[in-house]
Amino acid sequence: MYYKFSGFTQKLAGAWASDAYSPQGLKPVVSKEAPPIIFATPTKLTSDFTYDYSGRNKVPELQRVFQKSDGVPIHLKRGLPDQMLYRTTLALTLGGTVYCLIALYKASQPRNK
């Protein structure tokens, strides 16, 4: 036996196989004619596209830098830019923590009239 969800009773109800495989009475529509053309100008196919990459492969160089065992943490291996990013993140985190603690302290004090 086949079942389908009845939108009227909000329960499962018995159904024919053709109704069970097309829920809520929706039937697939097969069009006999081609869809209308949206753009009048022809477009370039993706297979015609060629990408010319003139850069060099940096992966082997970066692998050497990051795999070197020199005692420096991985997030600081690339030098000054990494140090600046780390210190800025650290300062903003500490500043935000202090600001939150001050706000909590002020919120916990009663107001003077």
Protein backbone atom coordinates (compact mmCIF):
# COMPACT_ATOMS: atom_id res chain seq x y z
CA MET A 1 0.00 0.00 0.00
CA TYR A 2 1.20 3.53 -0.76
CA TYR A 3 0.90 6.56 1.49
CA LYS A 4 1.14 10.30 1.00
CA PHE A 5 0.88 13.30 3.31
CA SER A 6 -2.53 14.92 3.22
CA GLY A 7 -2.33 18.69 3.38
CA PHE A 8 -5.97 18.85 4.45
CA THR A 9 -5.90 16.48 7.44
CA GLN A 10 -2.14 16.85 8.16
CA LYS A 11 -1.83 13.07 8.37
CA LEU A 12 -0.69 10.19 6.19
CA ALA A 13 -3.42 8.85 3.96
CA GLY A 14 -3.63 5.91 1.60
CA ALA A 15 -2.89 6.72 -2.02
CA TRP A 16 -2.27 5.19 -5.45
CA ALA A 17 1.32 4.68 -6.52
CA SER A 18 1.18 7.56 -9.01
CA ASP A 19 -0.03 9.97 -6.29
CA ALA A 20 2.54 8.76 -3.77
CA TYR A 21 5.45 9.40 -6.14
CA SER A 22 4.31 12.92 -7.03
CA PRO A 23 3.63 14.59 -3.67
CA GLN A 24 0.90 17.16 -3.12
CA GLY A 25 -0.51 16.47 -6.55
CA LEU A 26 2.41 18.05 -8.40
CA LYS A 27 3.01 16.34 -11.71
CA PRO A 28 6.23 16.72 -13.68
CA VAL A 29 5.74 18.93 -16.70
CA VAL A 30 7.60 18.02 -19.86
CA SER A 31 7.79 20.88 -22.32
CA LYS A 32 7.66 20.06 -26.02
CA GLU A 33 9.20 23.36 -27.15
CA ALA A 34 12.60 24.84 -26.41
CA PRO A 35 12.85 27.59 -23.80
CA PRO A 36 13.17 31.14 -25.12
CA ILE A 37 16.64 32.61 -25.57
CA ILE A 38 17.39 35.08 -22.79
CA PHE A 39 20.39 36.85 -24.29
CA ALA A 40 20.64 37.70 -27.97
CA THR A 41 24.44 37.87 -28.03
CA PRO A 42 26.38 34.62 -27.97
CA THR A 43 28.38 33.89 -24.84
CA LYS A 44 31.85 32.45 -24.52
CA LEU A 45 31.97 28.81 -23.45
CA THR A 46 34.07 27.85 -20.46
CA SER A 47 36.11 25.41 -22.52
CA ASP A 48 37.34 28.34 -24.65
CA PHE A 49 38.75 30.08 -21.57
CA THR A 50 42.48 29.75 -20.97
CA TYR A 51 44.11 30.91 -17.76
CA ASP A 52 47.64 32.18 -18.09
CA TYR A 53 49.38 32.05 -14.71
CA SER A 54 52.74 33.71 -14.90
CA GLY A 55 53.63 33.46 -11.20
CA ARG A 56 55.98 31.00 -9.64
CA ASN A 57 55.11 28.12 -7.36
CA LYS A 58 55.79 29.18 -3.76
CA VAL A 59 54.75 25.92 -2.10
CA PRO A 60 58.22 24.27 -1.85
CA GLU A 61 59.72 27.47 -0.40
CA LEU A 62 56.92 27.79 2.18
CA GLN A 63 57.23 24.12 3.09
CA ARG A 64 60.91 24.64 3.86
CA VAL A 65 60.13 27.68 6.02
CA PHE A 66 57.32 26.06 8.02
CA GLN A 67 59.00 22.65 8.46
CA LYS A 68 62.30 24.08 9.73
CA SER A 69 62.91 23.03 13.34
CA ASP A 70 64.13 26.29 14.91
CA GLY A 71 61.96 26.47 18.05
CA VAL A 72 59.75 29.30 16.71
CA PRO A 73 55.97 28.69 16.99
CA ILE A 74 54.25 28.01 13.67
CA HIS A 75 52.14 31.17 13.88
CA LEU A 76 55.32 33.33 14.02
CA LYS A 77 57.45 31.60 11.34
CA ARG A 78 57.10 34.29 8.65
CA GLY A 79 58.73 37.05 10.66
CA LEU A 80 57.63 40.62 11.32
CA PRO A 81 54.13 40.53 9.73
CA ASP A 82 53.21 37.51 11.85
CA GLN A 83 54.61 39.15 14.99
CA MET A 84 52.64 42.33 14.34
CA LEU A 85 49.43 40.39 13.76
CA TYR A 86 50.00 38.29 16.89
CA ARG A 87 50.75 41.29 19.10
CA THR A 88 47.80 43.29 17.74
CA THR A 89 45.45 40.37 18.37
CA LEU A 90 46.86 39.92 21.87
CA ALA A 91 46.51 43.65 22.68
CA LEU A 92 42.92 43.80 21.38
CA THR A 93 42.00 40.68 23.35
CA LEU A 94 43.49 42.01 26.58
CA GLY A 95 41.95 45.44 26.02
CA GLY A 96 38.52 43.92 25.40
CA THR A 97 38.82 41.78 28.53
CA VAL A 98 39.73 44.80 30.67
CA TYR A 99 36.89 46.82 29.13
CA CYS A 100 34.39 44.03 29.90
CA LEU A 101 35.60 43.76 33.49
CA ILE A 102 35.27 47.53 33.98
CA ALA A 103 31.77 47.49 32.47
CA LEU A 104 30.76 44.61 34.78
CA TYR A 105 32.16 46.48 37.80
CA LYS A 106 30.24 49.65 36.88
CA ALA A 107 27.06 47.67 36.27
CA SER A 108 27.33 45.98 39.67
CA GLN A 109 27.55 49.27 41.61
CA PRO A 110 24.32 50.96 42.72
CA ARG A 111 23.51 54.35 41.22
CA ASN A 112 23.82 57.44 43.40
CA LYS A 113 20.88 59.81 43.44
